[in-house]
N, C-alpha and C. Protein backbone atom coordinates (compact mmCIF):
# COMPACT_ATOMS: atom_id res chain seq x y z
N UNK A 1 14.80 27.53 -7.38
CA UNK A 1 14.06 27.11 -6.22
C UNK A 1 12.63 27.66 -6.23
N UNK A 2 12.31 28.52 -7.16
CA UNK A 2 10.97 29.06 -7.24
C UNK A 2 10.14 28.28 -8.26
N UNK A 3 8.87 28.24 -8.04
CA UNK A 3 7.98 27.60 -9.01
C UNK A 3 7.94 28.44 -10.28
N UNK A 4 7.57 27.85 -11.42
CA UNK A 4 7.47 28.63 -12.66
C UNK A 4 6.50 29.82 -12.52
N UNK A 5 5.41 29.63 -11.78
CA UNK A 5 4.43 30.70 -11.59
C UNK A 5 5.03 31.85 -10.79
N UNK A 6 5.77 31.53 -9.73
CA UNK A 6 6.37 32.58 -8.91
C UNK A 6 7.51 33.28 -9.64
N UNK A 7 8.26 32.55 -10.45
CA UNK A 7 9.35 33.16 -11.23
C UNK A 7 8.84 34.30 -12.10
N UNK A 8 7.63 34.17 -12.62
CA UNK A 8 7.05 35.21 -13.47
C UNK A 8 6.73 36.48 -12.69
N UNK A 9 6.61 36.35 -11.37
CA UNK A 9 6.25 37.50 -10.52
C UNK A 9 7.46 38.25 -9.97
N UNK A 10 8.67 37.73 -10.18
CA UNK A 10 9.87 38.40 -9.67
C UNK A 10 10.12 39.67 -10.47
N UNK A 11 10.09 40.81 -9.79
CA UNK A 11 10.27 42.10 -10.44
C UNK A 11 11.74 42.51 -10.44
N UNK A 12 12.47 42.11 -9.39
CA UNK A 12 13.87 42.47 -9.25
C UNK A 12 14.50 41.49 -8.27
N UNK A 13 15.76 41.20 -8.48
CA UNK A 13 16.48 40.35 -7.53
C UNK A 13 17.96 40.63 -7.65
N UNK A 14 18.69 40.24 -6.62
CA UNK A 14 20.13 40.46 -6.67
C UNK A 14 20.77 40.15 -5.34
N UNK A 15 21.99 40.62 -5.18
CA UNK A 15 22.71 40.40 -3.94
C UNK A 15 23.46 41.67 -3.56
N UNK A 16 23.77 41.77 -2.29
CA UNK A 16 24.59 42.86 -1.76
C UNK A 16 25.75 42.17 -1.07
N UNK A 17 26.93 42.32 -1.62
CA UNK A 17 28.09 41.61 -1.08
C UNK A 17 27.89 40.11 -1.22
N UNK A 18 28.46 39.36 -0.30
CA UNK A 18 28.34 37.91 -0.36
C UNK A 18 27.44 37.35 0.74
N UNK A 19 26.82 38.22 1.55
CA UNK A 19 26.03 37.76 2.68
C UNK A 19 24.53 38.04 2.56
N UNK A 20 24.11 38.81 1.55
CA UNK A 20 22.71 39.22 1.45
C UNK A 20 22.20 38.98 0.03
N UNK A 21 21.05 38.34 -0.07
CA UNK A 21 20.34 38.23 -1.35
C UNK A 21 18.92 38.77 -1.15
N UNK A 22 18.33 39.25 -2.23
CA UNK A 22 16.98 39.81 -2.12
C UNK A 22 16.19 39.54 -3.40
N UNK A 23 14.87 39.63 -3.26
CA UNK A 23 13.98 39.54 -4.42
C UNK A 23 12.74 40.39 -4.13
N UNK A 24 12.29 41.11 -5.12
CA UNK A 24 11.04 41.86 -5.03
C UNK A 24 10.03 41.12 -5.87
N UNK A 25 8.93 40.73 -5.27
CA UNK A 25 7.94 39.86 -5.90
C UNK A 25 6.60 40.58 -6.01
N UNK A 26 6.04 40.58 -7.21
CA UNK A 26 4.72 41.19 -7.44
C UNK A 26 3.68 40.32 -6.75
N UNK A 27 2.89 40.95 -5.88
CA UNK A 27 1.86 40.23 -5.15
C UNK A 27 0.69 41.17 -4.88
N UNK A 28 -0.38 40.61 -4.36
CA UNK A 28 -1.57 41.39 -4.08
C UNK A 28 -1.98 41.12 -2.64
N UNK A 29 -2.21 42.07 -1.81
CA UNK A 29 -2.47 43.48 -2.04
C UNK A 29 -1.22 44.35 -2.09
N UNK A 30 -0.05 43.80 -1.74
CA UNK A 30 1.18 44.59 -1.84
C UNK A 30 2.31 43.69 -2.30
N UNK A 31 3.33 44.30 -2.86
CA UNK A 31 4.49 43.54 -3.30
C UNK A 31 5.29 43.07 -2.09
N UNK A 32 6.03 41.96 -2.28
CA UNK A 32 6.86 41.41 -1.21
C UNK A 32 8.32 41.71 -1.52
N UNK A 33 9.04 42.20 -0.53
CA UNK A 33 10.47 42.39 -0.65
C UNK A 33 11.11 41.42 0.33
N UNK A 34 11.68 40.34 -0.19
CA UNK A 34 12.26 39.31 0.66
C UNK A 34 13.77 39.45 0.68
N UNK A 35 14.34 39.29 1.86
CA UNK A 35 15.78 39.41 2.04
C UNK A 35 16.26 38.19 2.82
N UNK A 36 17.30 37.54 2.32
CA UNK A 36 17.93 36.44 3.04
C UNK A 36 19.34 36.88 3.41
N UNK A 37 19.67 36.75 4.69
CA UNK A 37 20.93 37.27 5.22
C UNK A 37 21.68 36.17 5.95
N UNK A 38 22.99 36.11 5.73
CA UNK A 38 23.85 35.30 6.60
C UNK A 38 24.60 36.31 7.46
N UNK A 39 24.38 36.25 8.76
CA UNK A 39 24.99 37.20 9.68
C UNK A 39 25.91 36.43 10.63
N UNK A 40 27.23 36.54 10.45
CA UNK A 40 28.15 35.81 11.31
C UNK A 40 28.04 36.26 12.76
N UNK A 41 28.46 35.41 13.66
CA UNK A 41 28.45 35.72 15.09
C UNK A 41 29.32 36.95 15.35
N UNK A 42 28.84 37.88 16.14
CA UNK A 42 29.50 39.17 16.35
C UNK A 42 30.85 39.06 17.05
N UNK A 43 31.06 38.05 17.86
CA UNK A 43 32.27 37.98 18.66
C UNK A 43 33.32 37.02 18.10
N UNK A 44 33.12 36.53 16.93
CA UNK A 44 34.10 35.66 16.30
C UNK A 44 35.24 36.49 15.75
N UNK A 45 36.44 36.20 16.16
CA UNK A 45 37.58 37.00 15.75
C UNK A 45 37.88 36.86 14.26
N UNK A 46 37.55 35.73 13.67
CA UNK A 46 37.83 35.51 12.26
C UNK A 46 36.76 36.14 11.36
N UNK A 47 35.76 36.78 11.93
CA UNK A 47 34.64 37.28 11.14
C UNK A 47 34.51 38.80 11.22
N UNK A 48 35.19 39.52 10.34
CA UNK A 48 35.05 40.98 10.33
C UNK A 48 33.79 41.43 9.60
N UNK A 49 32.96 40.52 9.16
CA UNK A 49 31.82 40.85 8.31
C UNK A 49 30.59 41.31 9.07
N UNK A 50 30.52 41.08 10.37
CA UNK A 50 29.32 41.40 11.13
C UNK A 50 28.88 42.86 10.98
N UNK A 51 29.72 43.86 11.32
CA UNK A 51 29.27 45.26 11.19
C UNK A 51 29.03 45.65 9.75
N UNK A 52 29.85 45.17 8.84
CA UNK A 52 29.69 45.51 7.42
C UNK A 52 28.38 44.96 6.88
N UNK A 53 28.04 43.74 7.26
CA UNK A 53 26.79 43.14 6.79
C UNK A 53 25.58 43.89 7.32
N UNK A 54 25.62 44.31 8.59
CA UNK A 54 24.51 45.09 9.15
C UNK A 54 24.34 46.42 8.42
N UNK A 55 25.44 47.08 8.11
CA UNK A 55 25.36 48.35 7.36
C UNK A 55 24.78 48.12 5.97
N UNK A 56 25.20 47.06 5.30
CA UNK A 56 24.67 46.75 3.98
C UNK A 56 23.17 46.45 4.04
N UNK A 57 22.75 45.72 5.08
CA UNK A 57 21.32 45.42 5.25
C UNK A 57 20.53 46.69 5.49
N UNK A 58 21.02 47.56 6.37
CA UNK A 58 20.34 48.84 6.63
C UNK A 58 20.19 49.66 5.35
N UNK A 59 21.26 49.74 4.58
CA UNK A 59 21.23 50.53 3.35
C UNK A 59 20.24 49.94 2.34
N UNK A 60 20.21 48.61 2.22
CA UNK A 60 19.28 47.96 1.32
C UNK A 60 17.83 48.23 1.73
N UNK A 61 17.55 48.11 3.03
CA UNK A 61 16.18 48.29 3.51
C UNK A 61 15.72 49.74 3.44
N UNK A 62 16.64 50.70 3.46
CA UNK A 62 16.27 52.11 3.31
C UNK A 62 15.66 52.38 1.94
N UNK A 63 16.02 51.57 0.94
CA UNK A 63 15.56 51.80 -0.42
C UNK A 63 14.32 51.01 -0.80
N UNK A 64 13.74 50.29 0.15
CA UNK A 64 12.52 49.53 -0.13
C UNK A 64 11.35 50.50 -0.22
N UNK A 65 10.49 50.27 -1.19
CA UNK A 65 9.32 51.14 -1.34
C UNK A 65 8.40 51.01 -0.13
N UNK A 66 7.80 52.12 0.27
CA UNK A 66 7.00 52.18 1.49
C UNK A 66 5.83 51.20 1.51
N UNK A 67 5.24 50.92 0.38
CA UNK A 67 4.06 50.06 0.36
C UNK A 67 4.40 48.58 0.20
N UNK A 68 5.68 48.22 0.12
CA UNK A 68 6.08 46.81 0.03
C UNK A 68 6.09 46.17 1.42
N UNK A 69 5.73 44.91 1.47
CA UNK A 69 5.83 44.12 2.70
C UNK A 69 7.24 43.53 2.75
N UNK A 70 7.99 43.81 3.81
CA UNK A 70 9.38 43.36 3.92
C UNK A 70 9.44 42.10 4.76
N UNK A 71 10.13 41.09 4.23
CA UNK A 71 10.34 39.83 4.95
C UNK A 71 11.85 39.60 5.03
N UNK A 72 12.38 39.60 6.25
CA UNK A 72 13.81 39.36 6.45
C UNK A 72 13.96 37.98 7.07
N UNK A 73 14.77 37.15 6.43
CA UNK A 73 15.00 35.80 6.93
C UNK A 73 16.46 35.46 6.76
N UNK A 74 16.91 34.44 7.45
CA UNK A 74 18.28 34.04 7.25
C UNK A 74 18.90 33.33 8.42
N UNK A 75 20.18 33.12 8.30
CA UNK A 75 20.99 32.50 9.33
C UNK A 75 21.61 33.65 10.12
N UNK A 76 20.98 34.02 11.23
CA UNK A 76 21.36 35.23 11.95
C UNK A 76 22.29 34.98 13.14
N UNK A 77 22.53 33.74 13.50
CA UNK A 77 23.49 33.38 14.55
C UNK A 77 23.36 34.24 15.80
N UNK A 78 22.17 34.42 16.28
CA UNK A 78 21.94 35.24 17.48
C UNK A 78 22.18 34.39 18.72
N UNK A 79 22.97 34.92 19.64
CA UNK A 79 23.24 34.23 20.89
C UNK A 79 23.04 35.21 22.04
N UNK A 80 22.29 34.78 23.05
CA UNK A 80 22.06 35.60 24.23
C UNK A 80 22.72 34.95 25.44
N UNK A 81 23.24 35.77 26.32
CA UNK A 81 23.80 35.25 27.57
C UNK A 81 22.66 34.75 28.45
N UNK A 82 22.98 33.85 29.34
CA UNK A 82 21.95 33.25 30.20
C UNK A 82 21.39 34.21 31.24
N UNK A 83 22.16 35.19 31.67
CA UNK A 83 21.76 36.05 32.78
C UNK A 83 21.19 37.38 32.33
N UNK A 84 20.75 37.51 31.10
CA UNK A 84 20.20 38.76 30.61
C UNK A 84 18.68 38.63 30.54
N UNK A 85 17.94 39.50 31.24
CA UNK A 85 16.47 39.42 31.17
C UNK A 85 15.98 39.84 29.78
N UNK A 86 14.93 39.19 29.33
CA UNK A 86 14.37 39.51 28.00
C UNK A 86 13.30 40.55 28.10
């Protein structure tokens, strides 16, 4: 899915479990650390992955170099109740 030019800039990539993928991309003025996450809805009884995925994401982000720009994107399935003030 990356262009040939961008593929040459990928310094590292991989996955954490089955819900998180990441890539570290050489860029200027700072490198980009991109993370794509699928985060199941927290209250779904069939989905025990919610807390585990959050812990895996936290652990992954703790190891990002300080000068990298972090971009987190994904299918986060966030739902808010109607009566909660923002």
